[in-house]
Amino acid sequence: MLSSSTDLAGANSDDDALPFGDRMISEYLLVCEARATSLTDGVWNFSLESADGTPVFTAGDSEHGDLNRLTLLAAVRGLEAIEGPSSVTLLSNNRYLIRSLADSLPRWRENNFVWEHFGRRIDVQHADLWRRVDRALGIHRVEACLVSSRLVSPVQRPKMMDAGSGREAKRSFESKRCESKNGVTVRIDAPHEAVPANHTAGPVAGHDSDRDPIKRPSDRLRRWLLSGATSAAAAAPARRQLTTAELLEMS
């Protein structure tokens, strides 16, 4: 099921236009991502935004293919959805897509997207999609950017304790809140509790807490970055060794 949303009103305004030769072209941000639901299927999605972060067009669908092909398909559909020559900054967390655009595509283009394999000339992997990407690059001015994020803070695992030991630890901590060192009193406060992700703002002077929750970013890029660009990879199914029967079936 293909899902999409558009808001093309004012998408090609002069504020988002850049000079390109003798023409004025629009500037867009294209975020491409994919998520694997199995070893051979998954979901692709792209989001097209103007230079100021205004959503222009989003679309996604489930397809047959590995994670690389799904991400490449998102890039193809995103580039083909842009009307007229434009300046596009393409962002993805898929290394295959970004590195192939930067390093392999010029070589594939020269060889007509085929390569020699044991005396036979065969298409490069996903040649059908790469030919479509190459046609789009002849229309748009595209810059590709790899987005990668990692958790660098140490992960603290909670210690298991019963109710009795928990109360004892709390009393021990309360007794150490104030210590005297060299005549100087040092105050030690208890750590703050973690705030749930769906927590909304509490009452603030001049604001209605029921109508003014913590606002999430409206544009796809910021939502994607704040949720972690590697969340899609973390959600992928665990890898396992394929059996001989499965390999024969896929060949």
Protein backbone atom coordinates (compact mmCIF):
# COMPACT_ATOMS: atom_id res chain seq x y z
CA MET A 1 0.00 0.00 0.00
CA LEU A 2 1.56 3.25 -1.17
CA SER A 3 1.21 6.09 1.30
CA SER A 4 1.99 9.70 0.50
CA SER A 5 1.19 13.24 1.47
CA THR A 6 1.75 16.42 -0.49
CA ASP A 7 1.78 20.12 0.12
CA LEU A 8 2.91 21.64 -3.15
CA ALA A 9 1.49 25.10 -2.53
CA GLY A 10 4.40 27.49 -2.53
CA ALA A 11 6.93 24.68 -2.89
CA ASN A 12 8.66 26.46 -5.74
CA SER A 13 8.67 29.91 -4.18
CA ASP A 14 11.45 32.36 -4.96
CA ASP A 15 12.73 32.09 -1.38
CA ASP A 16 13.80 28.48 -2.03
CA ALA A 17 15.21 29.10 -5.51
CA LEU A 18 18.89 29.04 -6.39
CA PRO A 19 20.61 30.18 -9.60
CA PHE A 20 21.70 27.26 -11.81
CA GLY A 21 23.20 28.56 -15.02
CA ASP A 22 20.62 30.87 -16.57
CA ARG A 23 17.73 29.29 -14.64
CA MET A 24 16.39 29.56 -11.12
CA ILE A 25 15.99 26.16 -9.49
CA SER A 26 14.38 25.11 -6.22
CA GLU A 27 16.38 23.74 -3.31
CA TYR A 28 15.19 20.59 -1.55
CA LEU A 29 16.22 18.21 1.20
CA LEU A 30 15.55 14.53 0.45
CA VAL A 31 15.64 12.08 3.37
CA CYS A 32 15.73 8.41 2.26
CA GLU A 33 15.34 5.47 4.63
CA ALA A 34 14.29 1.84 4.66
CA ARG A 35 13.47 -0.85 7.20
CA ALA A 36 13.75 -4.60 6.72
CA THR A 37 10.83 -6.72 7.89
CA SER A 38 12.44 -10.01 6.82
CA LEU A 39 15.47 -11.23 4.90
CA THR A 40 13.80 -10.51 1.56
CA ASP A 41 11.14 -7.85 2.28
CA GLY A 42 10.91 -4.43 3.85
CA VAL A 43 9.55 -0.90 3.76
CA TRP A 44 11.03 2.14 2.02
CA ASN A 45 10.21 5.77 2.72
CA PHE A 46 11.33 9.17 1.54
CA SER A 47 10.54 12.70 2.66
CA LEU A 48 11.03 15.76 0.49
CA GLU A 49 11.33 19.13 2.21
CA SER A 50 12.05 22.66 1.12
CA ALA A 51 15.15 24.52 2.26
CA ASP A 52 13.32 26.02 5.25
CA GLY A 53 12.11 22.60 6.48
CA THR A 54 8.57 22.81 5.08
CA PRO A 55 7.28 19.31 4.18
CA VAL A 56 6.62 19.03 0.44
CA PHE A 57 6.04 15.35 -0.31
CA THR A 58 6.37 12.06 1.54
CA ALA A 59 5.78 8.53 0.29
CA GLY A 60 6.49 4.97 1.33
CA ASP A 61 5.57 1.41 0.48
CA SER A 62 6.46 -2.21 1.20
CA GLU A 63 8.55 -3.98 -1.44
CA HIS A 64 10.49 -7.17 -2.08
CA GLY A 65 14.24 -6.71 -1.70
CA ASP A 66 17.10 -6.34 0.73
CA LEU A 67 17.83 -3.20 2.76
CA ASN A 68 20.19 -1.75 0.11
CA ARG A 69 17.66 -2.10 -2.69
CA LEU A 70 14.87 -0.64 -0.56
CA THR A 71 16.94 2.43 0.33
CA LEU A 72 17.97 2.84 -3.31
CA LEU A 73 14.30 2.61 -4.31
CA ALA A 74 13.47 5.38 -1.84
CA ALA A 75 16.12 7.59 -3.47
CA VAL A 76 14.79 6.80 -6.96
CA ARG A 77 11.20 7.61 -6.05
CA GLY A 78 12.25 10.75 -4.23
CA LEU A 79 14.31 12.13 -7.11
CA GLU A 80 11.62 11.26 -9.65
CA ALA A 81 8.99 13.03 -7.53
CA ILE A 82 10.69 16.42 -8.00
CA GLU A 83 9.20 18.46 -10.81
CA GLY A 84 11.73 20.34 -12.85
CA PRO A 85 15.50 20.80 -12.38
CA SER A 86 16.33 21.36 -8.71
CA SER A 87 19.17 21.40 -6.23
CA VAL A 88 18.78 18.38 -3.95
CA THR A 89 20.67 17.40 -0.80
CA LEU A 90 20.10 13.66 -0.35
CA LEU A 91 20.55 12.24 3.16
CA SER A 92 20.59 8.59 4.16
CA ASN A 93 22.14 6.32 6.78
CA ASN A 94 22.78 3.60 4.16
CA ARG A 95 26.49 3.43 3.30
CA TYR A 96 25.87 1.39 0.15
CA LEU A 97 23.70 4.13 -1.35
CA ILE A 98 25.95 7.08 -0.51
CA ARG A 99 29.26 5.41 -1.38
CA SER A 100 27.90 4.00 -4.64
CA LEU A 101 26.65 7.45 -5.65
CA ALA A 102 30.04 9.00 -4.91
CA ASP A 103 32.47 6.29 -6.02
CA SER A 104 30.90 3.49 -8.09
CA LEU A 105 28.28 5.26 -10.20
CA PRO A 106 30.76 7.09 -12.50
CA ARG A 107 32.46 3.78 -13.31
CA TRP A 108 29.16 1.97 -13.85
CA ARG A 109 27.99 4.76 -16.14
CA GLU A 110 31.07 4.44 -18.33
CA ASN A 111 30.53 0.66 -18.65
CA ASN A 112 26.77 1.01 -19.32
CA PHE A 113 26.00 -0.58 -15.91
CA VAL A 114 27.48 -3.96 -16.82
CA TRP A 115 30.66 -5.70 -15.71
CA GLU A 116 32.57 -8.73 -16.86
CA HIS A 117 32.20 -11.86 -14.77
CA PHE A 118 34.15 -14.98 -15.87
CA GLY A 119 34.00 -13.94 -19.51
CA ARG A 120 30.34 -12.89 -19.41
CA ARG A 121 28.99 -9.35 -19.30
CA ILE A 122 26.24 -9.07 -16.67
CA ASP A 123 24.36 -6.17 -15.11
CA VAL A 124 25.66 -4.63 -11.92
CA GLN A 125 23.56 -5.22 -8.84
CA HIS A 126 20.29 -3.24 -8.95
CA ALA A 127 21.16 -1.94 -12.42
CA ASP A 128 17.51 -1.15 -13.18
CA LEU A 129 17.35 1.32 -10.31
CA TRP A 130 20.81 2.78 -10.86
CA ARG A 131 19.91 3.64 -14.47
CA ARG A 132 16.92 5.59 -13.16
CA VAL A 133 19.13 7.35 -10.61
CA ASP A 134 21.58 8.26 -13.35
CA ARG A 135 18.81 9.81 -15.46
CA ALA A 136 17.66 11.85 -12.45
CA LEU A 137 21.21 13.09 -11.84
CA GLY A 138 21.18 14.46 -15.38
CA ILE A 139 18.22 16.65 -14.43
CA HIS A 140 18.94 17.66 -10.83
CA ARG A 141 22.01 18.91 -9.04
CA VAL A 142 22.39 16.33 -6.25
CA GLU A 143 24.69 16.21 -3.24
CA ALA A 144 24.72 13.00 -1.18
CA CYS A 145 25.36 12.99 2.56
CA LEU A 146 25.79 9.97 4.84
CA VAL A 147 24.15 10.43 8.25
CA SER A 148 25.42 8.19 11.03
CA SER A 149 24.72 8.28 14.75
CA ARG A 150 25.91 6.14 17.65
CA LEU A 151 25.20 6.01 21.34
CA VAL A 152 28.44 7.12 22.98
CA SER A 153 27.20 7.46 26.56
CA PRO A 154 27.87 4.45 28.79
CA VAL A 155 24.84 2.22 29.15
CA GLN A 156 23.97 1.77 32.83
CA ARG A 157 22.15 -1.42 33.61
CA PRO A 158 19.77 -1.28 36.58
CA LYS A 159 20.74 -3.43 39.54
CA MET A 160 18.23 -5.95 40.78
CA MET A 161 17.28 -5.51 44.44
CA ASP A 162 14.37 -6.43 46.64
CA ALA A 163 12.15 -3.96 48.44
CA GLY A 164 14.08 -4.29 51.72
CA SER A 165 17.48 -3.61 50.20
CA GLY A 166 15.99 -0.71 48.22
CA ARG A 167 14.72 1.00 51.37
CA GLU A 168 18.04 0.37 53.09
CA ALA A 169 19.93 1.92 50.17
CA LYS A 170 17.63 4.94 50.23
CA ARG A 171 18.21 5.50 53.97
CA SER A 172 21.96 5.11 53.43
CA PHE A 173 21.86 7.68 50.65
CA GLU A 174 19.79 10.15 52.66
CA SER A 175 22.31 9.90 55.48
CA LYS A 176 25.09 10.95 53.10
CA ARG A 177 23.33 13.90 51.56
CA CYS A 178 25.38 16.30 53.65
CA GLU A 179 29.02 15.63 54.40
CA SER A 180 31.65 17.77 56.03
CA LYS A 181 35.08 17.88 54.45
CA ASN A 182 37.75 20.15 55.88
CA GLY A 183 35.11 22.30 57.50
CA VAL A 184 33.18 22.68 54.21
CA THR A 185 29.66 21.25 54.02
CA VAL A 186 28.98 19.48 50.73
CA ARG A 187 25.42 18.76 49.64
CA ILE A 188 24.72 15.68 47.54
CA ASP A 189 21.32 15.65 45.84
CA ALA A 190 19.55 12.57 44.59
CA PRO A 191 19.71 12.04 40.81
CA HIS A 192 16.73 13.08 38.72
CA GLU A 193 14.43 10.40 37.47
CA ALA A 194 14.35 9.72 33.74
CA VAL A 195 11.59 11.55 31.89
CA PRO A 196 9.43 9.30 29.67
CA ALA A 197 9.58 9.94 25.94
CA ASN A 198 5.87 10.78 25.84
CA HIS A 199 6.08 13.13 28.81
CA THR A 200 4.40 16.49 28.31
CA ALA A 201 5.33 19.77 29.89
CA GLY A 202 3.97 20.55 33.30
CA PRO A 203 2.08 23.71 34.24
CA VAL A 204 3.92 26.85 33.26
CA ALA A 205 2.92 30.38 34.12
CA GLY A 206 0.84 31.81 31.30
CA HIS A 207 0.41 28.44 29.53
CA ASP A 208 -2.29 25.79 29.53
CA SER A 209 -0.63 22.40 30.07
CA ASP A 210 -3.56 20.61 28.40
CA ARG A 211 -3.15 22.58 25.19
CA ASP A 212 0.61 23.16 25.13
CA PRO A 213 2.51 19.85 25.35
CA ILE A 214 6.16 19.51 24.41
CA LYS A 215 6.16 20.02 20.65
CA ARG A 216 7.87 17.55 18.38
CA PRO A 217 9.69 18.80 15.26
CA SER A 218 7.37 19.16 12.30
CA ASP A 219 9.92 18.29 9.61
CA ARG A 220 11.02 14.75 8.85
CA LEU A 221 14.77 15.37 9.07
CA ARG A 222 14.74 16.62 12.66
CA ARG A 223 12.36 13.87 13.78
CA TRP A 224 14.64 11.32 12.13
CA LEU A 225 17.81 12.70 13.71
CA LEU A 226 16.27 13.00 17.17
CA SER A 227 14.99 9.42 17.06
CA GLY A 228 18.43 8.17 16.03
CA ALA A 229 19.42 7.51 12.45
CA THR A 230 20.41 3.98 13.34
CA SER A 231 17.04 3.04 14.78
CA ALA A 232 16.02 1.44 11.50
CA ALA A 233 19.10 -0.74 11.50
CA ALA A 234 18.54 -1.68 15.14
CA ALA A 235 14.99 -2.71 14.31
CA ALA A 236 16.13 -5.05 11.56
CA PRO A 237 15.74 -8.76 12.26
CA ALA A 238 18.74 -10.55 13.68
CA ARG A 239 21.00 -12.13 11.08
CA ARG A 240 21.20 -15.88 10.83
CA GLN A 241 23.00 -18.34 8.62
CA LEU A 242 20.95 -19.41 5.61
CA THR A 243 20.35 -23.06 4.92
CA THR A 244 21.27 -24.72 1.62
CA ALA A 245 17.59 -25.00 0.68
CA GLU A 246 17.05 -21.27 1.24
CA LEU A 247 20.09 -20.36 -0.84
CA LEU A 248 18.90 -22.56 -3.70
CA GLU A 249 15.44 -21.01 -3.52
CA MET A 250 16.84 -17.46 -3.68
CA SER A 251 19.16 -18.22 -6.62
